[in-house]
Amino acid sequence: MKKMLIGIVVGVISGLFASGGGLLLVPVYTHILKLDEKAARTTTLFCILPMVILTAILYNKSNFIDWQLGIKCAIGGIVGGLLGGKLLSKISNKYLQIIFIIFLLYAGISSFIR
């Protein structure tokens, strides 16, 4: 039940803000569910896919998607995902944590400054 509740909360936040799945799930998986860093990240990617698909369908019904921009960014995201997936197996858990913390700080500060 706890895992379903985590999914519901993260899904609502992700649906509202169009982000947050990975930002929320990785810390939850590592600290609450005690997964190691790499398992947390890869499990997060698996969990985000259905949330993203469903949310995109809902956003598309409201004509919120800029398809031209989205397709170009998706192509870049596929390339980046391939590179990131290969890098994940080469980077230690300690450095993954540091990089993730820096990313979170950057995302938080840049959202606040806007």
PDB file of N, CA and C in Angstrom:
ATOM      1  N   MET A   1       0.831  -1.206   0.000  1.00  0.00           N
ATOM      2  CA  MET A   1       0.000   0.000   0.000  1.00  0.00           C
ATOM      3  C   MET A   1       0.870   1.261   0.000  1.00  0.00           C
ATOM      4  N   LYS A   2       1.971   1.229   0.753  1.00  0.00           N
ATOM      5  CA  LYS A   2       2.856   2.395   0.826  1.00  0.00           C
ATOM      6  C   LYS A   2       3.412   2.726  -0.564  1.00  0.00           C
ATOM      7  N   LYS A   3       3.759   1.706  -1.328  1.00  0.00           N
ATOM      8  CA  LYS A   3       4.323   1.929  -2.659  1.00  0.00           C
ATOM      9  C   LYS A   3       3.290   2.521  -3.614  1.00  0.00           C
ATOM     10  N   MET A   4       2.035   2.086  -3.505  1.00  0.00           N
ATOM     11  CA  MET A   4       0.973   2.656  -4.340  1.00  0.00           C
ATOM     12  C   MET A   4       0.727   4.118  -3.965  1.00  0.00           C
ATOM     13  N   LEU A   5       0.764   4.426  -2.681  1.00  0.00           N
ATOM     14  CA  LEU A   5       0.579   5.800  -2.213  1.00  0.00           C
ATOM     15  C   LEU A   5       1.696   6.701  -2.730  1.00  0.00           C
ATOM     16  N   ILE A   6       2.926   6.197  -2.721  1.00  0.00           N
ATOM     17  CA  ILE A   6       4.052   6.946  -3.277  1.00  0.00           C
ATOM     18  C   ILE A   6       3.783   7.244  -4.747  1.00  0.00           C
ATOM     19  N   GLY A   7       3.330   6.233  -5.485  1.00  0.00           N
ATOM     20  CA  GLY A   7       3.016   6.420  -6.903  1.00  0.00           C
ATOM     21  C   GLY A   7       1.920   7.440  -7.131  1.00  0.00           C
ATOM     22  N   ILE A   8       0.898   7.424  -6.322  1.00  0.00           N
ATOM     23  CA  ILE A   8      -0.215   8.378  -6.463  1.00  0.00           C
ATOM     24  C   ILE A   8       0.280   9.803  -6.218  1.00  0.00           C
ATOM     25  N   VAL A   9       1.008  10.001  -5.130  1.00  0.00           N
ATOM     26  CA  VAL A   9       1.503  11.343  -4.800  1.00  0.00           C
ATOM     27  C   VAL A   9       2.420  11.866  -5.907  1.00  0.00           C
ATOM     28  N   VAL A  10       3.360  11.040  -6.334  1.00  0.00           N
ATOM     29  CA  VAL A  10       4.294  11.456  -7.381  1.00  0.00           C
ATOM     30  C   VAL A  10       3.546  11.694  -8.699  1.00  0.00           C
ATOM     31  N   GLY A  11       2.568  10.859  -9.000  1.00  0.00           N
ATOM     32  CA  GLY A  11       1.779  11.047 -10.217  1.00  0.00           C
ATOM     33  C   GLY A  11       1.017  12.360 -10.215  1.00  0.00           C
ATOM     34  N   VAL A  12       0.417  12.715  -9.096  1.00  0.00           N
ATOM     35  CA  VAL A  12      -0.315  13.988  -9.000  1.00  0.00           C
ATOM     36  C   VAL A  12       0.648  15.164  -9.184  1.00  0.00           C
ATOM     37  N   ILE A  13       1.770  15.116  -8.494  1.00  0.00           N
ATOM     38  CA  ILE A  13       2.745  16.211  -8.614  1.00  0.00           C
ATOM     39  C   ILE A  13       3.287  16.296 -10.028  1.00  0.00           C
ATOM     40  N   SER A  14       3.594  15.159 -10.623  1.00  0.00           N
ATOM     41  CA  SER A  14       4.100  15.133 -11.995  1.00  0.00           C
ATOM     42  C   SER A  14       3.054  15.670 -12.970  1.00  0.00           C
ATOM     43  N   GLY A  15       1.812  15.291 -12.776  1.00  0.00           N
ATOM     44  CA  GLY A  15       0.741  15.774 -13.642  1.00  0.00           C
ATOM     45  C   GLY A  15       0.500  17.263 -13.513  1.00  0.00           C
ATOM     46  N   LEU A  16       0.622  17.784 -12.310  1.00  0.00           N
ATOM     47  CA  LEU A  16       0.400  19.215 -12.084  1.00  0.00           C
ATOM     48  C   LEU A  16       1.533  20.076 -12.627  1.00  0.00           C
ATOM     49  N   PHE A  17       2.752  19.635 -12.400  1.00  0.00           N
ATOM     50  CA  PHE A  17       3.897  20.472 -12.709  1.00  0.00           C
ATOM     51  C   PHE A  17       4.682  20.025 -13.932  1.00  0.00           C
ATOM     52  N   ALA A  18       4.251  18.952 -14.588  1.00  0.00           N
ATOM     53  CA  ALA A  18       4.919  18.402 -15.772  1.00  0.00           C
ATOM     54  C   ALA A  18       6.369  18.035 -15.487  1.00  0.00           C
ATOM     55  N   SER A  19       6.649  17.749 -14.251  1.00  0.00           N
ATOM     56  CA  SER A  19       7.966  17.250 -13.843  1.00  0.00           C
ATOM     57  C   SER A  19       7.844  16.753 -12.420  1.00  0.00           C
ATOM     58  N   GLY A  20       8.897  16.211 -11.950  1.00  0.00           N
ATOM     59  CA  GLY A  20       8.895  15.804 -10.556  1.00  0.00           C
ATOM     60  C   GLY A  20       8.976  14.315 -10.344  1.00  0.00           C
ATOM     61  N   GLY A  21       8.627  13.523 -11.364  1.00  0.00           N
ATOM     62  CA  GLY A  21       8.666  12.079 -11.193  1.00  0.00           C
ATOM     63  C   GLY A  21      10.026  11.609 -10.712  1.00  0.00           C
ATOM     64  N   GLY A  22      11.056  11.913 -11.470  1.00  0.00           N
ATOM     65  CA  GLY A  22      12.405  11.501 -11.107  1.00  0.00           C
ATOM     66  C   GLY A  22      12.943  12.256  -9.908  1.00  0.00           C
ATOM     67  N   LEU A  23      12.598  13.528  -9.833  1.00  0.00           N
ATOM     68  CA  LEU A  23      13.087  14.334  -8.714  1.00  0.00           C
ATOM     69  C   LEU A  23      12.545  13.836  -7.386  1.00  0.00           C
ATOM     70  N   LEU A  24      11.365  13.272  -7.412  1.00  0.00           N
ATOM     71  CA  LEU A  24      10.759  12.767  -6.184  1.00  0.00           C
ATOM     72  C   LEU A  24      11.035  11.284  -5.968  1.00  0.00           C
ATOM     73  N   LEU A  25      10.946  10.494  -7.031  1.00  0.00           N
ATOM     74  CA  LEU A  25      11.069   9.051  -6.868  1.00  0.00           C
ATOM     75  C   LEU A  25      12.475   8.601  -6.486  1.00  0.00           C
ATOM     76  N   VAL A  26      13.496   9.214  -7.050  1.00  0.00           N
ATOM     77  CA  VAL A  26      14.855   8.766  -6.724  1.00  0.00           C
ATOM     78  C   VAL A  26      15.131   8.903  -5.221  1.00  0.00           C
ATOM     79  N   PRO A  27      14.876  10.059  -4.605  1.00  0.00           N
ATOM     80  CA  PRO A  27      15.103  10.134  -3.153  1.00  0.00           C
ATOM     81  C   PRO A  27      14.200   9.183  -2.353  1.00  0.00           C
ATOM     82  N   VAL A  28      12.955   9.032  -2.787  1.00  0.00           N
ATOM     83  CA  VAL A  28      12.052   8.113  -2.083  1.00  0.00           C
ATOM     84  C   VAL A  28      12.580   6.680  -2.183  1.00  0.00           C
ATOM     85  N   TYR A  29      12.993   6.286  -3.369  1.00  0.00           N
ATOM     86  CA  TYR A  29      13.499   4.924  -3.551  1.00  0.00           C
ATOM     87  C   TYR A  29      14.786   4.682  -2.763  1.00  0.00           C
ATOM     88  N   THR A  30      15.664   5.673  -2.709  1.00  0.00           N
ATOM     89  CA  THR A  30      16.934   5.457  -2.011  1.00  0.00           C
ATOM     90  C   THR A  30      16.783   5.566  -0.502  1.00  0.00           C
ATOM     91  N   HIS A  31      15.994   6.508  -0.007  1.00  0.00           N
ATOM     92  CA  HIS A  31      15.921   6.754   1.430  1.00  0.00           C
ATOM     93  C   HIS A  31      14.798   5.987   2.126  1.00  0.00           C
ATOM     94  N   ILE A  32      13.650   5.892   1.496  1.00  0.00           N
ATOM     95  CA  ILE A  32      12.515   5.222   2.148  1.00  0.00           C
ATOM     96  C   ILE A  32      12.473   3.736   1.796  1.00  0.00           C
ATOM     97  N   LEU A  33      12.639   3.414   0.508  1.00  0.00           N
ATOM     98  CA  LEU A  33      12.557   2.014   0.080  1.00  0.00           C
ATOM     99  C   LEU A  33      13.915   1.320   0.043  1.00  0.00           C
ATOM    100  N   LYS A  34      14.980   2.061   0.343  1.00  0.00           N
ATOM    101  CA  LYS A  34      16.337   1.529   0.503  1.00  0.00           C
ATOM    102  C   LYS A  34      16.915   0.836  -0.738  1.00  0.00           C
ATOM    103  N   LEU A  35      16.586   1.336  -1.938  1.00  0.00           N
ATOM    104  CA  LEU A  35      17.234   0.843  -3.153  1.00  0.00           C
ATOM    105  C   LEU A  35      18.591   1.515  -3.299  1.00  0.00           C
ATOM    106  N   ASP A  36      19.521   0.858  -3.970  1.00  0.00           N
ATOM    107  CA  ASP A  36      20.789   1.541  -4.227  1.00  0.00           C
ATOM    108  C   ASP A  36      20.576   2.576  -5.334  1.00  0.00           C
ATOM    109  N   GLU A  37      21.544   3.461  -5.497  1.00  0.00           N
ATOM    110  CA  GLU A  37      21.404   4.604  -6.410  1.00  0.00           C
ATOM    111  C   GLU A  37      21.022   4.191  -7.835  1.00  0.00           C
ATOM    112  N   LYS A  38      21.712   3.220  -8.377  1.00  0.00           N
ATOM    113  CA  LYS A  38      21.469   2.830  -9.774  1.00  0.00           C
ATOM    114  C   LYS A  38      20.114   2.147  -9.934  1.00  0.00           C
ATOM    115  N   ALA A  39      19.750   1.302  -8.995  1.00  0.00           N
ATOM    116  CA  ALA A  39      18.431   0.656  -9.058  1.00  0.00           C
ATOM    117  C   ALA A  39      17.322   1.698  -8.906  1.00  0.00           C
ATOM    118  N   ALA A  40      17.540   2.700  -8.054  1.00  0.00           N
ATOM    119  CA  ALA A  40      16.543   3.756  -7.868  1.00  0.00           C
ATOM    120  C   ALA A  40      16.326   4.537  -9.162  1.00  0.00           C
ATOM    121  N   ARG A  41      17.398   4.875  -9.830  1.00  0.00           N
ATOM    122  CA  ARG A  41      17.283   5.657 -11.064  1.00  0.00           C
ATOM    123  C   ARG A  41      16.629   4.852 -12.192  1.00  0.00           C
ATOM    124  N   THR A  42      17.037   3.611 -12.346  1.00  0.00           N
ATOM    125  CA  THR A  42      16.476   2.816 -13.439  1.00  0.00           C
ATOM    126  C   THR A  42      15.023   2.438 -13.166  1.00  0.00           C
ATOM    127  N   THR A  43      14.680   2.171 -11.916  1.00  0.00           N
ATOM    128  CA  THR A  43      13.289   1.880 -11.570  1.00  0.00           C
ATOM    129  C   THR A  43      12.434   3.127 -11.769  1.00  0.00           C
ATOM    130  N   THR A  44      12.993   4.277 -11.445  1.00  0.00           N
ATOM    131  CA  THR A  44      12.283   5.542 -11.659  1.00  0.00           C
ATOM    132  C   THR A  44      11.939   5.739 -13.129  1.00  0.00           C
ATOM    133  N   LEU A  45      12.900   5.491 -14.009  1.00  0.00           N
ATOM    134  CA  LEU A  45      12.625   5.635 -15.444  1.00  0.00           C
ATOM    135  C   LEU A  45      11.497   4.720 -15.887  1.00  0.00           C
ATOM    136  N   PHE A  46      11.494   3.498 -15.377  1.00  0.00           N
ATOM    137  CA  PHE A  46      10.431   2.558 -15.709  1.00  0.00           C
ATOM    138  C   PHE A  46       9.072   3.066 -15.226  1.00  0.00           C
ATOM    139  N   CYS A  47       9.029   3.640 -14.029  1.00  0.00           N
ATOM    140  CA  CYS A  47       7.768   4.125 -13.459  1.00  0.00           C
ATOM    141  C   CYS A  47       7.269   5.397 -14.125  1.00  0.00           C
ATOM    142  N   ILE A  48       8.195   6.221 -14.592  1.00  0.00           N
ATOM    143  CA  ILE A  48       7.802   7.501 -15.178  1.00  0.00           C
ATOM    144  C   ILE A  48       7.109   7.314 -16.523  1.00  0.00           C
ATOM    145  N   LEU A  49       7.514   6.312 -17.291  1.00  0.00           N
ATOM    146  CA  LEU A  49       6.970   6.130 -18.636  1.00  0.00           C
ATOM    147  C   LEU A  49       5.441   6.107 -18.674  1.00  0.00           C
ATOM    148  N   PRO A  50       4.758   5.262 -17.876  1.00  0.00           N
ATOM    149  CA  PRO A  50       3.287   5.293 -17.947  1.00  0.00           C
ATOM    150  C   PRO A  50       2.688   6.621 -17.497  1.00  0.00           C
ATOM    151  N   MET A  51       3.321   7.270 -16.495  1.00  0.00           N
ATOM    152  CA  MET A  51       2.815   8.576 -16.046  1.00  0.00           C
ATOM    153  C   MET A  51       2.910   9.602 -17.172  1.00  0.00           C
ATOM    154  N   VAL A  52       4.031   9.593 -17.872  1.00  0.00           N
ATOM    155  CA  VAL A  52       4.257  10.559 -18.945  1.00  0.00           C
ATOM    156  C   VAL A  52       3.286  10.321 -20.100  1.00  0.00           C
ATOM    157  N   ILE A  53       3.091   9.080 -20.463  1.00  0.00           N
ATOM    158  CA  ILE A  53       2.184   8.769 -21.573  1.00  0.00           C
ATOM    159  C   ILE A  53       0.765   9.219 -21.248  1.00  0.00           C
ATOM    160  N   LEU A  54       0.274   8.868 -20.076  1.00  0.00           N
ATOM    161  CA  LEU A  54      -1.092   9.245 -19.701  1.00  0.00           C
ATOM    162  C   LEU A  54      -1.245  10.758 -19.609  1.00  0.00           C
ATOM    163  N   THR A  55      -0.286  11.416 -18.987  1.00  0.00           N
ATOM    164  CA  THR A  55      -0.364  12.868 -18.864  1.00  0.00           C
ATOM    165  C   THR A  55      -0.300  13.543 -20.228  1.00  0.00           C
ATOM    166  N   ALA A  56       0.529  13.030 -21.137  1.00  0.00           N
ATOM    167  CA  ALA A  56       0.611  13.597 -22.487  1.00  0.00           C
ATOM    168  C   ALA A  56      -0.719  13.443 -23.227  1.00  0.00           C
ATOM    169  N   ILE A  57      -1.380  12.318 -23.039  1.00  0.00           N
ATOM    170  CA  ILE A  57      -2.701  12.127 -23.672  1.00  0.00           C
ATOM    171  C   ILE A  57      -3.686  13.167 -23.143  1.00  0.00           C
ATOM    172  N   LEU A  58      -3.674  13.380 -21.846  1.00  0.00           N
ATOM    173  CA  LEU A  58      -4.584  14.371 -21.256  1.00  0.00           C
ATOM    174  C   LEU A  58      -4.251  15.786 -21.727  1.00  0.00           C
ATOM    175  N   TYR A  59      -2.950  16.129 -21.755  1.00  0.00           N
ATOM    176  CA  TYR A  59      -2.549  17.452 -22.222  1.00  0.00           C
ATOM    177  C   TYR A  59      -2.879  17.635 -23.699  1.00  0.00           C
ATOM    178  N   ASN A  60      -2.734  16.586 -24.488  1.00  0.00           N
ATOM    179  CA  ASN A  60      -3.040  16.672 -25.919  1.00  0.00           C
ATOM    180  C   ASN A  60      -4.524  16.955 -26.147  1.00  0.00           C
ATOM    181  N   LYS A  61      -5.394  16.364 -25.338  1.00  0.00           N
ATOM    182  CA  LYS A  61      -6.837  16.609 -25.471  1.00  0.00           C
ATOM    183  C   LYS A  61      -7.167  18.083 -25.249  1.00  0.00           C
ATOM    184  N   SER A  62      -6.349  18.764 -24.468  1.00  0.00           N
ATOM    185  CA  SER A  62      -6.558  20.191 -24.217  1.00  0.00           C
ATOM    186  C   SER A  62      -5.719  21.063 -25.147  1.00  0.00           C
ATOM    187  N   ASN A  63      -5.074  20.453 -26.133  1.00  0.00           N
ATOM    188  CA  ASN A  63      -4.243  21.165 -27.114  1.00  0.00           C
ATOM    189  C   ASN A  63      -3.118  21.975 -26.467  1.00  0.00           C
ATOM    190  N   PHE A  64      -2.488  21.410 -25.441  1.00  0.00           N
ATOM    191  CA  PHE A  64      -1.398  22.095 -24.766  1.00  0.00           C
ATOM    192  C   PHE A  64      -0.024  21.735 -25.329  1.00  0.00           C
ATOM    193  N   ILE A  65       0.057  20.739 -26.202  1.00  0.00           N
ATOM    194  CA  ILE A  65       1.353  20.244 -26.663  1.00  0.00           C
ATOM    195  C   ILE A  65       1.784  20.958 -27.941  1.00  0.00           C
ATOM    196  N   ASP A  66       2.993  21.467 -27.943  1.00  0.00           N
ATOM    197  CA  ASP A  66       3.619  22.013 -29.153  1.00  0.00           C
ATOM    198  C   ASP A  66       4.372  20.845 -29.793  1.00  0.00           C
ATOM    199  N   TRP A  67       3.722  20.189 -30.755  1.00  0.00           N
ATOM    200  CA  TRP A  67       4.257  18.955 -31.326  1.00  0.00           C
ATOM    201  C   TRP A  67       5.591  19.154 -32.038  1.00  0.00           C
ATOM    202  N   GLN A  68       5.739  20.256 -32.740  1.00  0.00           N
ATOM    203  CA  GLN A  68       6.983  20.496 -33.466  1.00  0.00           C
ATOM    204  C   GLN A  68       8.169  20.587 -32.492  1.00  0.00           C
ATOM    205  N   LEU A  69       8.004  21.362 -31.461  1.00  0.00           N
ATOM    206  CA  LEU A  69       9.034  21.483 -30.438  1.00  0.00           C
ATOM    207  C   LEU A  69       9.229  20.162 -29.702  1.00  0.00           C
ATOM    208  N   GLY A  70       8.134  19.536 -29.335  1.00  0.00           N
ATOM    209  CA  GLY A  70       8.198  18.295 -28.572  1.00  0.00           C
ATOM    210  C   GLY A  70       8.918  17.176 -29.297  1.00  0.00           C
ATOM    211  N   ILE A  71       8.675  17.027 -30.586  1.00  0.00           N
ATOM    212  CA  ILE A  71       9.330  15.968 -31.357  1.00  0.00           C
ATOM    213  C   ILE A  71      10.828  16.217 -31.451  1.00  0.00           C
ATOM    214  N   LYS A  72      11.214  17.458 -31.690  1.00  0.00           N
ATOM    215  CA  LYS A  72      12.652  17.773 -31.753  1.00  0.00           C
ATOM    216  C   LYS A  72      13.332  17.505 -30.422  1.00  0.00           C
ATOM    217  N   CYS A  73      12.713  17.913 -29.335  1.00  0.00           N
ATOM    218  CA  CYS A  73      13.296  17.672 -28.016  1.00  0.00           C
ATOM    219  C   CYS A  73      13.290  16.179 -27.679  1.00  0.00           C
ATOM    220  N   ALA A  74      12.260  15.463 -28.119  1.00  0.00           N
ATOM    221  CA  ALA A  74      12.206  14.023 -27.859  1.00  0.00           C
ATOM    222  C   ALA A  74      13.348  13.292 -28.558  1.00  0.00           C
ATOM    223  N   ILE A  75      13.675  13.708 -29.770  1.00  0.00           N
ATOM    224  CA  ILE A  75      14.802  13.093 -30.483  1.00  0.00           C
ATOM    225  C   ILE A  75      16.093  13.331 -29.701  1.00  0.00           C
ATOM    226  N   GLY A  76      16.291  14.557 -29.252  1.00  0.00           N
ATOM    227  CA  GLY A  76      17.460  14.848 -28.418  1.00  0.00           C
ATOM    228  C   GLY A  76      17.421  14.071 -27.112  1.00  0.00           C
ATOM    229  N   GLY A  77      16.243  13.917 -26.551  1.00  0.00           N
ATOM    230  CA  GLY A  77      16.100  13.163 -25.312  1.00  0.00           C
ATOM    231  C   GLY A  77      16.434  11.689 -25.476  1.00  0.00           C
ATOM    232  N   ILE A  78      16.101  11.139 -26.629  1.00  0.00           N
ATOM    233  CA  ILE A  78      16.443   9.737 -26.907  1.00  0.00           C
ATOM    234  C   ILE A  78      17.960   9.576 -26.961  1.00  0.00           C
ATOM    235  N   VAL A  79      18.612  10.478 -27.669  1.00  0.00           N
ATOM    236  CA  VAL A  79      20.082  10.425 -27.750  1.00  0.00           C
ATOM    237  C   VAL A  79      20.686  10.611 -26.357  1.00  0.00           C
ATOM    238  N   GLY A  80      20.198  11.608 -25.633  1.00  0.00           N
ATOM    239  CA  GLY A  80      20.691  11.855 -24.281  1.00  0.00           C
ATOM    240  C   GLY A  80      20.420  10.689 -23.344  1.00  0.00           C
ATOM    241  N   GLY A  81      19.264  10.065 -23.487  1.00  0.00           N
ATOM    242  CA  GLY A  81      18.938   8.907 -22.661  1.00  0.00           C
ATOM    243  C   GLY A  81      19.872   7.737 -22.915  1.00  0.00           C
ATOM    244  N   LEU A  82      20.221   7.540 -24.185  1.00  0.00           N
ATOM    245  CA  LEU A  82      21.179   6.480 -24.515  1.00  0.00           C
ATOM    246  C   LEU A  82      22.542   6.763 -23.888  1.00  0.00           C
ATOM    247  N   LEU A  83      22.986   8.003 -24.010  1.00  0.00           N
ATOM    248  CA  LEU A  83      24.274   8.380 -23.414  1.00  0.00           C
ATOM    249  C   LEU A  83      24.230   8.268 -21.891  1.00  0.00           C
ATOM    250  N   GLY A  84      23.162   8.757 -21.295  1.00  0.00           N
ATOM    251  CA  GLY A  84      23.023   8.691 -19.842  1.00  0.00           C
ATOM    252  C   GLY A  84      22.952   7.263 -19.330  1.00  0.00           C
ATOM    253  N   GLY A  85      22.247   6.409 -20.067  1.00  0.00           N
ATOM    254  CA  GLY A  85      22.162   5.005 -19.679  1.00  0.00           C
ATOM    255  C   GLY A  85      23.521   4.323 -19.701  1.00  0.00           C
ATOM    256  N   LYS A  86      24.333   4.676 -20.688  1.00  0.00           N
ATOM    257  CA  LYS A  86      25.688   4.101 -20.766  1.00  0.00           C
ATOM    258  C   LYS A  86      26.571   4.663 -19.646  1.00  0.00           C
ATOM    259  N   LEU A  87      26.414   5.952 -19.355  1.00  0.00           N
ATOM    260  CA  LEU A  87      27.214   6.576 -18.290  1.00  0.00           C
ATOM    261  C   LEU A  87      26.849   6.038 -16.905  1.00  0.00           C
ATOM    262  N   LEU A  88      25.586   5.704 -16.700  1.00  0.00           N
ATOM    263  CA  LEU A  88      25.126   5.253 -15.386  1.00  0.00           C
ATOM    264  C   LEU A  88      25.929   4.060 -14.896  1.00  0.00           C
ATOM    265  N   SER A  89      26.257   3.155 -15.800  1.00  0.00           N
ATOM    266  CA  SER A  89      26.992   1.955 -15.371  1.00  0.00           C
ATOM    267  C   SER A  89      28.461   2.254 -15.068  1.00  0.00           C
ATOM    268  N   LYS A  90      28.944   3.432 -15.470  1.00  0.00           N
ATOM    269  CA  LYS A  90      30.360   3.762 -15.285  1.00  0.00           C
ATOM    270  C   LYS A  90      30.612   4.713 -14.115  1.00  0.00           C
ATOM    271  N   ILE A  91      29.570   5.371 -13.622  1.00  0.00           N
ATOM    272  CA  ILE A  91      29.729   6.370 -12.565  1.00  0.00           C
ATOM    273  C   ILE A  91      29.406   5.727 -11.216  1.00  0.00           C
ATOM    274  N   SER A  92      30.222   6.030 -10.222  1.00  0.00           N
ATOM    275  CA  SER A  92      29.989   5.467  -8.888  1.00  0.00           C
ATOM    276  C   SER A  92      28.753   6.095  -8.247  1.00  0.00           C
ATOM    277  N   ASN A  93      28.170   5.376  -7.288  1.00  0.00           N
ATOM    278  CA  ASN A  93      26.983   5.873  -6.591  1.00  0.00           C
ATOM    279  C   ASN A  93      27.246   7.206  -5.907  1.00  0.00           C
ATOM    280  N   LYS A  94      28.452   7.379  -5.360  1.00  0.00           N
ATOM    281  CA  LYS A  94      28.791   8.633  -4.675  1.00  0.00           C
ATOM    282  C   LYS A  94      28.702   9.812  -5.646  1.00  0.00           C
ATOM    283  N   TYR A  95      29.289   9.664  -6.834  1.00  0.00           N
ATOM    284  CA  TYR A  95      29.251  10.753  -7.814  1.00  0.00           C
ATOM    285  C   TYR A  95      27.842  10.967  -8.363  1.00  0.00           C
ATOM    286  N   LEU A  96      27.065   9.891  -8.480  1.00  0.00           N
ATOM    287  CA  LEU A  96      25.673  10.053  -8.898  1.00  0.00           C
ATOM    288  C   LEU A  96      24.912  10.918  -7.898  1.00  0.00           C
ATOM    289  N   GLN A  97      25.134  10.674  -6.616  1.00  0.00           N
ATOM    290  CA  GLN A  97      24.477  11.475  -5.581  1.00  0.00           C
ATOM    291  C   GLN A  97      24.882  12.941  -5.680  1.00  0.00           C
ATOM    292  N   ILE A  98      26.161  13.188  -5.857  1.00  0.00           N
ATOM    293  CA  ILE A  98      26.659  14.568  -5.944  1.00  0.00           C
ATOM    294  C   ILE A  98      26.074  15.273  -7.170  1.00  0.00           C
ATOM    295  N   ILE A  99      26.099  14.611  -8.305  1.00  0.00           N
ATOM    296  CA  ILE A  99      25.540  15.199  -9.532  1.00  0.00           C
ATOM    297  C   ILE A  99      24.055  15.471  -9.361  1.00  0.00           C
ATOM    298  N   PHE A 100      23.334  14.545  -8.734  1.00  0.00           N
ATOM    299  CA  PHE A 100      21.896  14.708  -8.529  1.00  0.00           C
ATOM    300  C   PHE A 100      21.610  15.889  -7.598  1.00  0.00           C
ATOM    301  N   ILE A 101      22.387  16.026  -6.536  1.00  0.00           N
ATOM    302  CA  ILE A 101      22.215  17.150  -5.609  1.00  0.00           C
ATOM    303  C   ILE A 101      22.463  18.476  -6.326  1.00  0.00           C
ATOM    304  N   ILE A 102      23.512  18.540  -7.126  1.00  0.00           N
ATOM    305  CA  ILE A 102      23.798  19.766  -7.888  1.00  0.00           C
ATOM    306  C   ILE A 102      22.646  20.079  -8.835  1.00  0.00           C
ATOM    307  N   PHE A 103      22.122  19.041  -9.500  1.00  0.00           N
ATOM    308  CA  PHE A 103      20.994  19.240 -10.406  1.00  0.00           C
ATOM    309  C   PHE A 103      19.766  19.759  -9.650  1.00  0.00           C
ATOM    310  N   LEU A 104      19.475  19.160  -8.495  1.00  0.00           N
ATOM    311  CA  LEU A 104      18.326  19.609  -7.709  1.00  0.00           C
ATOM    312  C   LEU A 104      18.486  21.058  -7.259  1.00  0.00           C
ATOM    313  N   LEU A 105      19.678  21.399  -6.817  1.00  0.00           N
ATOM    314  CA  LEU A 105      19.932  22.786  -6.402  1.00  0.00           C
ATOM    315  C   LEU A 105      19.734  23.745  -7.576  1.00  0.00           C
ATOM    316  N   TYR A 106      20.289  23.392  -8.722  1.00  0.00           N
ATOM    317  CA  TYR A 106      20.137  24.226  -9.910  1.00  0.00           C
ATOM    318  C   TYR A 106      18.654  24.379 -10.276  1.00  0.00           C
ATOM    319  N   ALA A 107      17.926  23.258 -10.309  1.00  0.00           N
ATOM    320  CA  ALA A 107      16.500  23.311 -10.677  1.00  0.00           C
ATOM    321  C   ALA A 107      15.708  24.162  -9.686  1.00  0.00           C
ATOM    322  N   GLY A 108      16.005  23.993  -8.393  1.00  0.00           N
ATOM    323  CA  GLY A 108      15.284  24.758  -7.374  1.00  0.00           C
ATOM    324  C   GLY A 108      15.572  26.239  -7.457  1.00  0.00           C
ATOM    325  N   ILE A 109      16.826  26.587  -7.590  1.00  0.00           N
ATOM    326  CA  ILE A 109      17.219  28.007  -7.660  1.00  0.00           C
ATOM    327  C   ILE A 109      16.679  28.651  -8.930  1.00  0.00           C
ATOM    328  N   SER A 110      16.803  27.953 -10.057  1.00  0.00           N
ATOM    329  CA  SER A 110      16.327  28.559 -11.316  1.00  0.00           C
ATOM    330  C   SER A 110      14.807  28.707 -11.320  1.00  0.00           C
ATOM    331  N   SER A 111      14.080  27.797 -10.677  1.00  0.00           N
ATOM    332  CA  SER A 111      12.619  27.937 -10.582  1.00  0.00           C
ATOM    333  C   SER A 111      12.242  29.097  -9.683  1.00  0.00           C
ATOM    334  N   PHE A 112      13.011  29.328  -8.634  1.00  0.00           N
ATOM    335  CA  PHE A 112      12.741  30.405  -7.698  1.00  0.00           C
ATOM    336  C   PHE A 112      13.043  31.777  -8.322  1.00  0.00           C
ATOM    337  N   ILE A 113      14.096  31.852  -9.120  1.00  0.00           N
ATOM    338  CA  ILE A 113      14.524  33.122  -9.702  1.00  0.00           C
ATOM    339  C   ILE A 113      13.549  33.619 -10.772  1.00  0.00           C
ATOM    340  N   ARG A 114      12.901  32.708 -11.457  1.00  0.00           N
ATOM    341  CA  ARG A 114      11.966  33.119 -12.513  1.00  0.00           C
ATOM    342  C   ARG A 114      10.948  33.997 -11.934  1.00  0.00           C
TER     343      ARG A 114
END
